[in-house]
Amino acid sequence: MTSFWIKIFALTFAIGVATGLVQA
């Protein structure tokens, strides 16, 4: 269960970082 959600966490984290850089 944890391994499954880690993959989704990683996907979300990557998109979040990419979109967050624009704010600065």
PDBML (XML) file of the C-alpha atoms, coordinates in Angstrom:
<?xml version="1.0" encoding="UTF-8" ?>
<PDBx:datablock datablockName="MODEL"
   xmlns:PDBx="http://pdbml.pdb.org/schema/pdbx-v50.xsd"
   xmlns:xsi="http://www.w3.org/2001/XMLSchema-instance"
   xsi:schemaLocation="http://pdbml.pdb.org/schema/pdbx-v50.xsd pdbx-v50.xsd">
   <PDBx:atom_siteCategory>
      <PDBx:atom_site id="1">
         <PDBx:B_iso_or_equiv>0.00</PDBx:B_iso_or_equiv>
         <PDBx:Cartn_x>0.000</PDBx:Cartn_x>
         <PDBx:Cartn_y>0.000</PDBx:Cartn_y>
         <PDBx:Cartn_z>0.000</PDBx:Cartn_z>
         <PDBx:auth_asym_id>A</PDBx:auth_asym_id>
         <PDBx:auth_atom_id>CA</PDBx:auth_atom_id>
         <PDBx:auth_comp_id>MET</PDBx:auth_comp_id>
         <PDBx:auth_seq_id>1</PDBx:auth_seq_id>
         <PDBx:group_PDB>ATOM</PDBx:group_PDB>
         <PDBx:label_alt_id xsi:nil="true" />
         <PDBx:label_asym_id>A</PDBx:label_asym_id>
         <PDBx:label_atom_id>CA</PDBx:label_atom_id>
         <PDBx:label_comp_id>MET</PDBx:label_comp_id>
         <PDBx:label_entity_id>1</PDBx:label_entity_id>
         <PDBx:label_seq_id>1</PDBx:label_seq_id>
         <PDBx:occupancy>1.00</PDBx:occupancy>
         <PDBx:pdbx_PDB_model_num>1</PDBx:pdbx_PDB_model_num>
         <PDBx:type_symbol>C</PDBx:type_symbol>
      </PDBx:atom_site>
      <PDBx:atom_site id="2">
         <PDBx:B_iso_or_equiv>0.00</PDBx:B_iso_or_equiv>
         <PDBx:Cartn_x>2.785</PDBx:Cartn_x>
         <PDBx:Cartn_y>2.418</PDBx:Cartn_y>
         <PDBx:Cartn_z>0.930</PDBx:Cartn_z>
         <PDBx:auth_asym_id>A</PDBx:auth_asym_id>
         <PDBx:auth_atom_id>CA</PDBx:auth_atom_id>
         <PDBx:auth_comp_id>THR</PDBx:auth_comp_id>
         <PDBx:auth_seq_id>2</PDBx:auth_seq_id>
         <PDBx:group_PDB>ATOM</PDBx:group_PDB>
         <PDBx:label_alt_id xsi:nil="true" />
         <PDBx:label_asym_id>A</PDBx:label_asym_id>
         <PDBx:label_atom_id>CA</PDBx:label_atom_id>
         <PDBx:label_comp_id>THR</PDBx:label_comp_id>
         <PDBx:label_entity_id>1</PDBx:label_entity_id>
         <PDBx:label_seq_id>2</PDBx:label_seq_id>
         <PDBx:occupancy>1.00</PDBx:occupancy>
         <PDBx:pdbx_PDB_model_num>1</PDBx:pdbx_PDB_model_num>
         <PDBx:type_symbol>C</PDBx:type_symbol>
      </PDBx:atom_site>
      <PDBx:atom_site id="3">
         <PDBx:B_iso_or_equiv>0.00</PDBx:B_iso_or_equiv>
         <PDBx:Cartn_x>4.774</PDBx:Cartn_x>
         <PDBx:Cartn_y>1.585</PDBx:Cartn_y>
         <PDBx:Cartn_z>-2.230</PDBx:Cartn_z>
         <PDBx:auth_asym_id>A</PDBx:auth_asym_id>
         <PDBx:auth_atom_id>CA</PDBx:auth_atom_id>
         <PDBx:auth_comp_id>SER</PDBx:auth_comp_id>
         <PDBx:auth_seq_id>3</PDBx:auth_seq_id>
         <PDBx:group_PDB>ATOM</PDBx:group_PDB>
         <PDBx:label_alt_id xsi:nil="true" />
         <PDBx:label_asym_id>A</PDBx:label_asym_id>
         <PDBx:label_atom_id>CA</PDBx:label_atom_id>
         <PDBx:label_comp_id>SER</PDBx:label_comp_id>
         <PDBx:label_entity_id>1</PDBx:label_entity_id>
         <PDBx:label_seq_id>3</PDBx:label_seq_id>
         <PDBx:occupancy>1.00</PDBx:occupancy>
         <PDBx:pdbx_PDB_model_num>1</PDBx:pdbx_PDB_model_num>
         <PDBx:type_symbol>C</PDBx:type_symbol>
      </PDBx:atom_site>
      <PDBx:atom_site id="4">
         <PDBx:B_iso_or_equiv>0.00</PDBx:B_iso_or_equiv>
         <PDBx:Cartn_x>1.723</PDBx:Cartn_x>
         <PDBx:Cartn_y>2.264</PDBx:Cartn_y>
         <PDBx:Cartn_z>-4.372</PDBx:Cartn_z>
         <PDBx:auth_asym_id>A</PDBx:auth_asym_id>
         <PDBx:auth_atom_id>CA</PDBx:auth_atom_id>
         <PDBx:auth_comp_id>PHE</PDBx:auth_comp_id>
         <PDBx:auth_seq_id>4</PDBx:auth_seq_id>
         <PDBx:group_PDB>ATOM</PDBx:group_PDB>
         <PDBx:label_alt_id xsi:nil="true" />
         <PDBx:label_asym_id>A</PDBx:label_asym_id>
         <PDBx:label_atom_id>CA</PDBx:label_atom_id>
         <PDBx:label_comp_id>PHE</PDBx:label_comp_id>
         <PDBx:label_entity_id>1</PDBx:label_entity_id>
         <PDBx:label_seq_id>4</PDBx:label_seq_id>
         <PDBx:occupancy>1.00</PDBx:occupancy>
         <PDBx:pdbx_PDB_model_num>1</PDBx:pdbx_PDB_model_num>
         <PDBx:type_symbol>C</PDBx:type_symbol>
      </PDBx:atom_site>
      <PDBx:atom_site id="5">
         <PDBx:B_iso_or_equiv>0.00</PDBx:B_iso_or_equiv>
         <PDBx:Cartn_x>1.059</PDBx:Cartn_x>
         <PDBx:Cartn_y>5.680</PDBx:Cartn_y>
         <PDBx:Cartn_z>-2.838</PDBx:Cartn_z>
         <PDBx:auth_asym_id>A</PDBx:auth_asym_id>
         <PDBx:auth_atom_id>CA</PDBx:auth_atom_id>
         <PDBx:auth_comp_id>TRP</PDBx:auth_comp_id>
         <PDBx:auth_seq_id>5</PDBx:auth_seq_id>
         <PDBx:group_PDB>ATOM</PDBx:group_PDB>
         <PDBx:label_alt_id xsi:nil="true" />
         <PDBx:label_asym_id>A</PDBx:label_asym_id>
         <PDBx:label_atom_id>CA</PDBx:label_atom_id>
         <PDBx:label_comp_id>TRP</PDBx:label_comp_id>
         <PDBx:label_entity_id>1</PDBx:label_entity_id>
         <PDBx:label_seq_id>5</PDBx:label_seq_id>
         <PDBx:occupancy>1.00</PDBx:occupancy>
         <PDBx:pdbx_PDB_model_num>1</PDBx:pdbx_PDB_model_num>
         <PDBx:type_symbol>C</PDBx:type_symbol>
      </PDBx:atom_site>
      <PDBx:atom_site id="6">
         <PDBx:B_iso_or_equiv>0.00</PDBx:B_iso_or_equiv>
         <PDBx:Cartn_x>4.752</PDBx:Cartn_x>
         <PDBx:Cartn_y>6.636</PDBx:Cartn_y>
         <PDBx:Cartn_z>-2.940</PDBx:Cartn_z>
         <PDBx:auth_asym_id>A</PDBx:auth_asym_id>
         <PDBx:auth_atom_id>CA</PDBx:auth_atom_id>
         <PDBx:auth_comp_id>ILE</PDBx:auth_comp_id>
         <PDBx:auth_seq_id>6</PDBx:auth_seq_id>
         <PDBx:group_PDB>ATOM</PDBx:group_PDB>
         <PDBx:label_alt_id xsi:nil="true" />
         <PDBx:label_asym_id>A</PDBx:label_asym_id>
         <PDBx:label_atom_id>CA</PDBx:label_atom_id>
         <PDBx:label_comp_id>ILE</PDBx:label_comp_id>
         <PDBx:label_entity_id>1</PDBx:label_entity_id>
         <PDBx:label_seq_id>6</PDBx:label_seq_id>
         <PDBx:occupancy>1.00</PDBx:occupancy>
         <PDBx:pdbx_PDB_model_num>1</PDBx:pdbx_PDB_model_num>
         <PDBx:type_symbol>C</PDBx:type_symbol>
      </PDBx:atom_site>
      <PDBx:atom_site id="7">
         <PDBx:B_iso_or_equiv>0.00</PDBx:B_iso_or_equiv>
         <PDBx:Cartn_x>4.572</PDBx:Cartn_x>
         <PDBx:Cartn_y>6.475</PDBx:Cartn_y>
         <PDBx:Cartn_z>-6.754</PDBx:Cartn_z>
         <PDBx:auth_asym_id>A</PDBx:auth_asym_id>
         <PDBx:auth_atom_id>CA</PDBx:auth_atom_id>
         <PDBx:auth_comp_id>LYS</PDBx:auth_comp_id>
         <PDBx:auth_seq_id>7</PDBx:auth_seq_id>
         <PDBx:group_PDB>ATOM</PDBx:group_PDB>
         <PDBx:label_alt_id xsi:nil="true" />
         <PDBx:label_asym_id>A</PDBx:label_asym_id>
         <PDBx:label_atom_id>CA</PDBx:label_atom_id>
         <PDBx:label_comp_id>LYS</PDBx:label_comp_id>
         <PDBx:label_entity_id>1</PDBx:label_entity_id>
         <PDBx:label_seq_id>7</PDBx:label_seq_id>
         <PDBx:occupancy>1.00</PDBx:occupancy>
         <PDBx:pdbx_PDB_model_num>1</PDBx:pdbx_PDB_model_num>
         <PDBx:type_symbol>C</PDBx:type_symbol>
      </PDBx:atom_site>
      <PDBx:atom_site id="8">
         <PDBx:B_iso_or_equiv>0.00</PDBx:B_iso_or_equiv>
         <PDBx:Cartn_x>1.581</PDBx:Cartn_x>
         <PDBx:Cartn_y>8.821</PDBx:Cartn_y>
         <PDBx:Cartn_z>-6.798</PDBx:Cartn_z>
         <PDBx:auth_asym_id>A</PDBx:auth_asym_id>
         <PDBx:auth_atom_id>CA</PDBx:auth_atom_id>
         <PDBx:auth_comp_id>ILE</PDBx:auth_comp_id>
         <PDBx:auth_seq_id>8</PDBx:auth_seq_id>
         <PDBx:group_PDB>ATOM</PDBx:group_PDB>
         <PDBx:label_alt_id xsi:nil="true" />
         <PDBx:label_asym_id>A</PDBx:label_asym_id>
         <PDBx:label_atom_id>CA</PDBx:label_atom_id>
         <PDBx:label_comp_id>ILE</PDBx:label_comp_id>
         <PDBx:label_entity_id>1</PDBx:label_entity_id>
         <PDBx:label_seq_id>8</PDBx:label_seq_id>
         <PDBx:occupancy>1.00</PDBx:occupancy>
         <PDBx:pdbx_PDB_model_num>1</PDBx:pdbx_PDB_model_num>
         <PDBx:type_symbol>C</PDBx:type_symbol>
      </PDBx:atom_site>
      <PDBx:atom_site id="9">
         <PDBx:B_iso_or_equiv>0.00</PDBx:B_iso_or_equiv>
         <PDBx:Cartn_x>3.296</PDBx:Cartn_x>
         <PDBx:Cartn_y>11.095</PDBx:Cartn_y>
         <PDBx:Cartn_z>-4.276</PDBx:Cartn_z>
         <PDBx:auth_asym_id>A</PDBx:auth_asym_id>
         <PDBx:auth_atom_id>CA</PDBx:auth_atom_id>
         <PDBx:auth_comp_id>PHE</PDBx:auth_comp_id>
         <PDBx:auth_seq_id>9</PDBx:auth_seq_id>
         <PDBx:group_PDB>ATOM</PDBx:group_PDB>
         <PDBx:label_alt_id xsi:nil="true" />
         <PDBx:label_asym_id>A</PDBx:label_asym_id>
         <PDBx:label_atom_id>CA</PDBx:label_atom_id>
         <PDBx:label_comp_id>PHE</PDBx:label_comp_id>
         <PDBx:label_entity_id>1</PDBx:label_entity_id>
         <PDBx:label_seq_id>9</PDBx:label_seq_id>
         <PDBx:occupancy>1.00</PDBx:occupancy>
         <PDBx:pdbx_PDB_model_num>1</PDBx:pdbx_PDB_model_num>
         <PDBx:type_symbol>C</PDBx:type_symbol>
      </PDBx:atom_site>
      <PDBx:atom_site id="10">
         <PDBx:B_iso_or_equiv>0.00</PDBx:B_iso_or_equiv>
         <PDBx:Cartn_x>6.368</PDBx:Cartn_x>
         <PDBx:Cartn_y>11.310</PDBx:Cartn_y>
         <PDBx:Cartn_z>-6.540</PDBx:Cartn_z>
         <PDBx:auth_asym_id>A</PDBx:auth_asym_id>
         <PDBx:auth_atom_id>CA</PDBx:auth_atom_id>
         <PDBx:auth_comp_id>ALA</PDBx:auth_comp_id>
         <PDBx:auth_seq_id>10</PDBx:auth_seq_id>
         <PDBx:group_PDB>ATOM</PDBx:group_PDB>
         <PDBx:label_alt_id xsi:nil="true" />
         <PDBx:label_asym_id>A</PDBx:label_asym_id>
         <PDBx:label_atom_id>CA</PDBx:label_atom_id>
         <PDBx:label_comp_id>ALA</PDBx:label_comp_id>
         <PDBx:label_entity_id>1</PDBx:label_entity_id>
         <PDBx:label_seq_id>10</PDBx:label_seq_id>
         <PDBx:occupancy>1.00</PDBx:occupancy>
         <PDBx:pdbx_PDB_model_num>1</PDBx:pdbx_PDB_model_num>
         <PDBx:type_symbol>C</PDBx:type_symbol>
      </PDBx:atom_site>
      <PDBx:atom_site id="11">
         <PDBx:B_iso_or_equiv>0.00</PDBx:B_iso_or_equiv>
         <PDBx:Cartn_x>4.254</PDBx:Cartn_x>
         <PDBx:Cartn_y>12.219</PDBx:Cartn_y>
         <PDBx:Cartn_z>-9.568</PDBx:Cartn_z>
         <PDBx:auth_asym_id>A</PDBx:auth_asym_id>
         <PDBx:auth_atom_id>CA</PDBx:auth_atom_id>
         <PDBx:auth_comp_id>LEU</PDBx:auth_comp_id>
         <PDBx:auth_seq_id>11</PDBx:auth_seq_id>
         <PDBx:group_PDB>ATOM</PDBx:group_PDB>
         <PDBx:label_alt_id xsi:nil="true" />
         <PDBx:label_asym_id>A</PDBx:label_asym_id>
         <PDBx:label_atom_id>CA</PDBx:label_atom_id>
         <PDBx:label_comp_id>LEU</PDBx:label_comp_id>
         <PDBx:label_entity_id>1</PDBx:label_entity_id>
         <PDBx:label_seq_id>11</PDBx:label_seq_id>
         <PDBx:occupancy>1.00</PDBx:occupancy>
         <PDBx:pdbx_PDB_model_num>1</PDBx:pdbx_PDB_model_num>
         <PDBx:type_symbol>C</PDBx:type_symbol>
      </PDBx:atom_site>
      <PDBx:atom_site id="12">
         <PDBx:B_iso_or_equiv>0.00</PDBx:B_iso_or_equiv>
         <PDBx:Cartn_x>2.445</PDBx:Cartn_x>
         <PDBx:Cartn_y>14.944</PDBx:Cartn_y>
         <PDBx:Cartn_z>-7.631</PDBx:Cartn_z>
         <PDBx:auth_asym_id>A</PDBx:auth_asym_id>
         <PDBx:auth_atom_id>CA</PDBx:auth_atom_id>
         <PDBx:auth_comp_id>THR</PDBx:auth_comp_id>
         <PDBx:auth_seq_id>12</PDBx:auth_seq_id>
         <PDBx:group_PDB>ATOM</PDBx:group_PDB>
         <PDBx:label_alt_id xsi:nil="true" />
         <PDBx:label_asym_id>A</PDBx:label_asym_id>
         <PDBx:label_atom_id>CA</PDBx:label_atom_id>
         <PDBx:label_comp_id>THR</PDBx:label_comp_id>
         <PDBx:label_entity_id>1</PDBx:label_entity_id>
         <PDBx:label_seq_id>12</PDBx:label_seq_id>
         <PDBx:occupancy>1.00</PDBx:occupancy>
         <PDBx:pdbx_PDB_model_num>1</PDBx:pdbx_PDB_model_num>
         <PDBx:type_symbol>C</PDBx:type_symbol>
      </PDBx:atom_site>
      <PDBx:atom_site id="13">
         <PDBx:B_iso_or_equiv>0.00</PDBx:B_iso_or_equiv>
         <PDBx:Cartn_x>5.662</PDBx:Cartn_x>
         <PDBx:Cartn_y>16.267</PDBx:Cartn_y>
         <PDBx:Cartn_z>-6.107</PDBx:Cartn_z>
         <PDBx:auth_asym_id>A</PDBx:auth_asym_id>
         <PDBx:auth_atom_id>CA</PDBx:auth_atom_id>
         <PDBx:auth_comp_id>PHE</PDBx:auth_comp_id>
         <PDBx:auth_seq_id>13</PDBx:auth_seq_id>
         <PDBx:group_PDB>ATOM</PDBx:group_PDB>
         <PDBx:label_alt_id xsi:nil="true" />
         <PDBx:label_asym_id>A</PDBx:label_asym_id>
         <PDBx:label_atom_id>CA</PDBx:label_atom_id>
         <PDBx:label_comp_id>PHE</PDBx:label_comp_id>
         <PDBx:label_entity_id>1</PDBx:label_entity_id>
         <PDBx:label_seq_id>13</PDBx:label_seq_id>
         <PDBx:occupancy>1.00</PDBx:occupancy>
         <PDBx:pdbx_PDB_model_num>1</PDBx:pdbx_PDB_model_num>
         <PDBx:type_symbol>C</PDBx:type_symbol>
      </PDBx:atom_site>
      <PDBx:atom_site id="14">
         <PDBx:B_iso_or_equiv>0.00</PDBx:B_iso_or_equiv>
         <PDBx:Cartn_x>7.289</PDBx:Cartn_x>
         <PDBx:Cartn_y>16.637</PDBx:Cartn_y>
         <PDBx:Cartn_z>-9.542</PDBx:Cartn_z>
         <PDBx:auth_asym_id>A</PDBx:auth_asym_id>
         <PDBx:auth_atom_id>CA</PDBx:auth_atom_id>
         <PDBx:auth_comp_id>ALA</PDBx:auth_comp_id>
         <PDBx:auth_seq_id>14</PDBx:auth_seq_id>
         <PDBx:group_PDB>ATOM</PDBx:group_PDB>
         <PDBx:label_alt_id xsi:nil="true" />
         <PDBx:label_asym_id>A</PDBx:label_asym_id>
         <PDBx:label_atom_id>CA</PDBx:label_atom_id>
         <PDBx:label_comp_id>ALA</PDBx:label_comp_id>
         <PDBx:label_entity_id>1</PDBx:label_entity_id>
         <PDBx:label_seq_id>14</PDBx:label_seq_id>
         <PDBx:occupancy>1.00</PDBx:occupancy>
         <PDBx:pdbx_PDB_model_num>1</PDBx:pdbx_PDB_model_num>
         <PDBx:type_symbol>C</PDBx:type_symbol>
      </PDBx:atom_site>
      <PDBx:atom_site id="15">
         <PDBx:B_iso_or_equiv>0.00</PDBx:B_iso_or_equiv>
         <PDBx:Cartn_x>4.397</PDBx:Cartn_x>
         <PDBx:Cartn_y>18.596</PDBx:Cartn_y>
         <PDBx:Cartn_z>-11.027</PDBx:Cartn_z>
         <PDBx:auth_asym_id>A</PDBx:auth_asym_id>
         <PDBx:auth_atom_id>CA</PDBx:auth_atom_id>
         <PDBx:auth_comp_id>ILE</PDBx:auth_comp_id>
         <PDBx:auth_seq_id>15</PDBx:auth_seq_id>
         <PDBx:group_PDB>ATOM</PDBx:group_PDB>
         <PDBx:label_alt_id xsi:nil="true" />
         <PDBx:label_asym_id>A</PDBx:label_asym_id>
         <PDBx:label_atom_id>CA</PDBx:label_atom_id>
         <PDBx:label_comp_id>ILE</PDBx:label_comp_id>
         <PDBx:label_entity_id>1</PDBx:label_entity_id>
         <PDBx:label_seq_id>15</PDBx:label_seq_id>
         <PDBx:occupancy>1.00</PDBx:occupancy>
         <PDBx:pdbx_PDB_model_num>1</PDBx:pdbx_PDB_model_num>
         <PDBx:type_symbol>C</PDBx:type_symbol>
      </PDBx:atom_site>
      <PDBx:atom_site id="16">
         <PDBx:B_iso_or_equiv>0.00</PDBx:B_iso_or_equiv>
         <PDBx:Cartn_x>4.126</PDBx:Cartn_x>
         <PDBx:Cartn_y>20.725</PDBx:Cartn_y>
         <PDBx:Cartn_z>-7.884</PDBx:Cartn_z>
         <PDBx:auth_asym_id>A</PDBx:auth_asym_id>
         <PDBx:auth_atom_id>CA</PDBx:auth_atom_id>
         <PDBx:auth_comp_id>GLY</PDBx:auth_comp_id>
         <PDBx:auth_seq_id>16</PDBx:auth_seq_id>
         <PDBx:group_PDB>ATOM</PDBx:group_PDB>
         <PDBx:label_alt_id xsi:nil="true" />
         <PDBx:label_asym_id>A</PDBx:label_asym_id>
         <PDBx:label_atom_id>CA</PDBx:label_atom_id>
         <PDBx:label_comp_id>GLY</PDBx:label_comp_id>
         <PDBx:label_entity_id>1</PDBx:label_entity_id>
         <PDBx:label_seq_id>16</PDBx:label_seq_id>
         <PDBx:occupancy>1.00</PDBx:occupancy>
         <PDBx:pdbx_PDB_model_num>1</PDBx:pdbx_PDB_model_num>
         <PDBx:type_symbol>C</PDBx:type_symbol>
      </PDBx:atom_site>
      <PDBx:atom_site id="17">
         <PDBx:B_iso_or_equiv>0.00</PDBx:B_iso_or_equiv>
         <PDBx:Cartn_x>7.788</PDBx:Cartn_x>
         <PDBx:Cartn_y>21.763</PDBx:Cartn_y>
         <PDBx:Cartn_z>-7.985</PDBx:Cartn_z>
         <PDBx:auth_asym_id>A</PDBx:auth_asym_id>
         <PDBx:auth_atom_id>CA</PDBx:auth_atom_id>
         <PDBx:auth_comp_id>VAL</PDBx:auth_comp_id>
         <PDBx:auth_seq_id>17</PDBx:auth_seq_id>
         <PDBx:group_PDB>ATOM</PDBx:group_PDB>
         <PDBx:label_alt_id xsi:nil="true" />
         <PDBx:label_asym_id>A</PDBx:label_asym_id>
         <PDBx:label_atom_id>CA</PDBx:label_atom_id>
         <PDBx:label_comp_id>VAL</PDBx:label_comp_id>
         <PDBx:label_entity_id>1</PDBx:label_entity_id>
         <PDBx:label_seq_id>17</PDBx:label_seq_id>
         <PDBx:occupancy>1.00</PDBx:occupancy>
         <PDBx:pdbx_PDB_model_num>1</PDBx:pdbx_PDB_model_num>
         <PDBx:type_symbol>C</PDBx:type_symbol>
      </PDBx:atom_site>
      <PDBx:atom_site id="18">
         <PDBx:B_iso_or_equiv>0.00</PDBx:B_iso_or_equiv>
         <PDBx:Cartn_x>7.615</PDBx:Cartn_x>
         <PDBx:Cartn_y>22.588</PDBx:Cartn_y>
         <PDBx:Cartn_z>-11.700</PDBx:Cartn_z>
         <PDBx:auth_asym_id>A</PDBx:auth_asym_id>
         <PDBx:auth_atom_id>CA</PDBx:auth_atom_id>
         <PDBx:auth_comp_id>ALA</PDBx:auth_comp_id>
         <PDBx:auth_seq_id>18</PDBx:auth_seq_id>
         <PDBx:group_PDB>ATOM</PDBx:group_PDB>
         <PDBx:label_alt_id xsi:nil="true" />
         <PDBx:label_asym_id>A</PDBx:label_asym_id>
         <PDBx:label_atom_id>CA</PDBx:label_atom_id>
         <PDBx:label_comp_id>ALA</PDBx:label_comp_id>
         <PDBx:label_entity_id>1</PDBx:label_entity_id>
         <PDBx:label_seq_id>18</PDBx:label_seq_id>
         <PDBx:occupancy>1.00</PDBx:occupancy>
         <PDBx:pdbx_PDB_model_num>1</PDBx:pdbx_PDB_model_num>
         <PDBx:type_symbol>C</PDBx:type_symbol>
      </PDBx:atom_site>
      <PDBx:atom_site id="19">
         <PDBx:B_iso_or_equiv>0.00</PDBx:B_iso_or_equiv>
         <PDBx:Cartn_x>4.561</PDBx:Cartn_x>
         <PDBx:Cartn_y>24.817</PDBx:Cartn_y>
         <PDBx:Cartn_z>-11.296</PDBx:Cartn_z>
         <PDBx:auth_asym_id>A</PDBx:auth_asym_id>
         <PDBx:auth_atom_id>CA</PDBx:auth_atom_id>
         <PDBx:auth_comp_id>THR</PDBx:auth_comp_id>
         <PDBx:auth_seq_id>19</PDBx:auth_seq_id>
         <PDBx:group_PDB>ATOM</PDBx:group_PDB>
         <PDBx:label_alt_id xsi:nil="true" />
         <PDBx:label_asym_id>A</PDBx:label_asym_id>
         <PDBx:label_atom_id>CA</PDBx:label_atom_id>
         <PDBx:label_comp_id>THR</PDBx:label_comp_id>
         <PDBx:label_entity_id>1</PDBx:label_entity_id>
         <PDBx:label_seq_id>19</PDBx:label_seq_id>
         <PDBx:occupancy>1.00</PDBx:occupancy>
         <PDBx:pdbx_PDB_model_num>1</PDBx:pdbx_PDB_model_num>
         <PDBx:type_symbol>C</PDBx:type_symbol>
      </PDBx:atom_site>
      <PDBx:atom_site id="20">
         <PDBx:B_iso_or_equiv>0.00</PDBx:B_iso_or_equiv>
         <PDBx:Cartn_x>5.809</PDBx:Cartn_x>
         <PDBx:Cartn_y>26.408</PDBx:Cartn_y>
         <PDBx:Cartn_z>-8.080</PDBx:Cartn_z>
         <PDBx:auth_asym_id>A</PDBx:auth_asym_id>
         <PDBx:auth_atom_id>CA</PDBx:auth_atom_id>
         <PDBx:auth_comp_id>GLY</PDBx:auth_comp_id>
         <PDBx:auth_seq_id>20</PDBx:auth_seq_id>
         <PDBx:group_PDB>ATOM</PDBx:group_PDB>
         <PDBx:label_alt_id xsi:nil="true" />
         <PDBx:label_asym_id>A</PDBx:label_asym_id>
         <PDBx:label_atom_id>CA</PDBx:label_atom_id>
         <PDBx:label_comp_id>GLY</PDBx:label_comp_id>
         <PDBx:label_entity_id>1</PDBx:label_entity_id>
         <PDBx:label_seq_id>20</PDBx:label_seq_id>
         <PDBx:occupancy>1.00</PDBx:occupancy>
         <PDBx:pdbx_PDB_model_num>1</PDBx:pdbx_PDB_model_num>
         <PDBx:type_symbol>C</PDBx:type_symbol>
      </PDBx:atom_site>
      <PDBx:atom_site id="21">
         <PDBx:B_iso_or_equiv>0.00</PDBx:B_iso_or_equiv>
         <PDBx:Cartn_x>8.984</PDBx:Cartn_x>
         <PDBx:Cartn_y>27.807</PDBx:Cartn_y>
         <PDBx:Cartn_z>-9.669</PDBx:Cartn_z>
         <PDBx:auth_asym_id>A</PDBx:auth_asym_id>
         <PDBx:auth_atom_id>CA</PDBx:auth_atom_id>
         <PDBx:auth_comp_id>LEU</PDBx:auth_comp_id>
         <PDBx:auth_seq_id>21</PDBx:auth_seq_id>
         <PDBx:group_PDB>ATOM</PDBx:group_PDB>
         <PDBx:label_alt_id xsi:nil="true" />
         <PDBx:label_asym_id>A</PDBx:label_asym_id>
         <PDBx:label_atom_id>CA</PDBx:label_atom_id>
         <PDBx:label_comp_id>LEU</PDBx:label_comp_id>
         <PDBx:label_entity_id>1</PDBx:label_entity_id>
         <PDBx:label_seq_id>21</PDBx:label_seq_id>
         <PDBx:occupancy>1.00</PDBx:occupancy>
         <PDBx:pdbx_PDB_model_num>1</PDBx:pdbx_PDB_model_num>
         <PDBx:type_symbol>C</PDBx:type_symbol>
      </PDBx:atom_site>
      <PDBx:atom_site id="22">
         <PDBx:B_iso_or_equiv>0.00</PDBx:B_iso_or_equiv>
         <PDBx:Cartn_x>6.872</PDBx:Cartn_x>
         <PDBx:Cartn_y>30.169</PDBx:Cartn_y>
         <PDBx:Cartn_z>-11.765</PDBx:Cartn_z>
         <PDBx:auth_asym_id>A</PDBx:auth_asym_id>
         <PDBx:auth_atom_id>CA</PDBx:auth_atom_id>
         <PDBx:auth_comp_id>VAL</PDBx:auth_comp_id>
         <PDBx:auth_seq_id>22</PDBx:auth_seq_id>
         <PDBx:group_PDB>ATOM</PDBx:group_PDB>
         <PDBx:label_alt_id xsi:nil="true" />
         <PDBx:label_asym_id>A</PDBx:label_asym_id>
         <PDBx:label_atom_id>CA</PDBx:label_atom_id>
         <PDBx:label_comp_id>VAL</PDBx:label_comp_id>
         <PDBx:label_entity_id>1</PDBx:label_entity_id>
         <PDBx:label_seq_id>22</PDBx:label_seq_id>
         <PDBx:occupancy>1.00</PDBx:occupancy>
         <PDBx:pdbx_PDB_model_num>1</PDBx:pdbx_PDB_model_num>
         <PDBx:type_symbol>C</PDBx:type_symbol>
      </PDBx:atom_site>
      <PDBx:atom_site id="23">
         <PDBx:B_iso_or_equiv>0.00</PDBx:B_iso_or_equiv>
         <PDBx:Cartn_x>5.717</PDBx:Cartn_x>
         <PDBx:Cartn_y>32.087</PDBx:Cartn_y>
         <PDBx:Cartn_z>-8.679</PDBx:Cartn_z>
         <PDBx:auth_asym_id>A</PDBx:auth_asym_id>
         <PDBx:auth_atom_id>CA</PDBx:auth_atom_id>
         <PDBx:auth_comp_id>GLN</PDBx:auth_comp_id>
         <PDBx:auth_seq_id>23</PDBx:auth_seq_id>
         <PDBx:group_PDB>ATOM</PDBx:group_PDB>
         <PDBx:label_alt_id xsi:nil="true" />
         <PDBx:label_asym_id>A</PDBx:label_asym_id>
         <PDBx:label_atom_id>CA</PDBx:label_atom_id>
         <PDBx:label_comp_id>GLN</PDBx:label_comp_id>
         <PDBx:label_entity_id>1</PDBx:label_entity_id>
         <PDBx:label_seq_id>23</PDBx:label_seq_id>
         <PDBx:occupancy>1.00</PDBx:occupancy>
         <PDBx:pdbx_PDB_model_num>1</PDBx:pdbx_PDB_model_num>
         <PDBx:type_symbol>C</PDBx:type_symbol>
      </PDBx:atom_site>
      <PDBx:atom_site id="24">
         <PDBx:B_iso_or_equiv>0.00</PDBx:B_iso_or_equiv>
         <PDBx:Cartn_x>9.168</PDBx:Cartn_x>
         <PDBx:Cartn_y>33.445</PDBx:Cartn_y>
         <PDBx:Cartn_z>-7.850</PDBx:Cartn_z>
         <PDBx:auth_asym_id>A</PDBx:auth_asym_id>
         <PDBx:auth_atom_id>CA</PDBx:auth_atom_id>
         <PDBx:auth_comp_id>ALA</PDBx:auth_comp_id>
         <PDBx:auth_seq_id>24</PDBx:auth_seq_id>
         <PDBx:group_PDB>ATOM</PDBx:group_PDB>
         <PDBx:label_alt_id xsi:nil="true" />
         <PDBx:label_asym_id>A</PDBx:label_asym_id>
         <PDBx:label_atom_id>CA</PDBx:label_atom_id>
         <PDBx:label_comp_id>ALA</PDBx:label_comp_id>
         <PDBx:label_entity_id>1</PDBx:label_entity_id>
         <PDBx:label_seq_id>24</PDBx:label_seq_id>
         <PDBx:occupancy>1.00</PDBx:occupancy>
         <PDBx:pdbx_PDB_model_num>1</PDBx:pdbx_PDB_model_num>
         <PDBx:type_symbol>C</PDBx:type_symbol>
      </PDBx:atom_site>
   </PDBx:atom_siteCategory>
</PDBx:datablock>
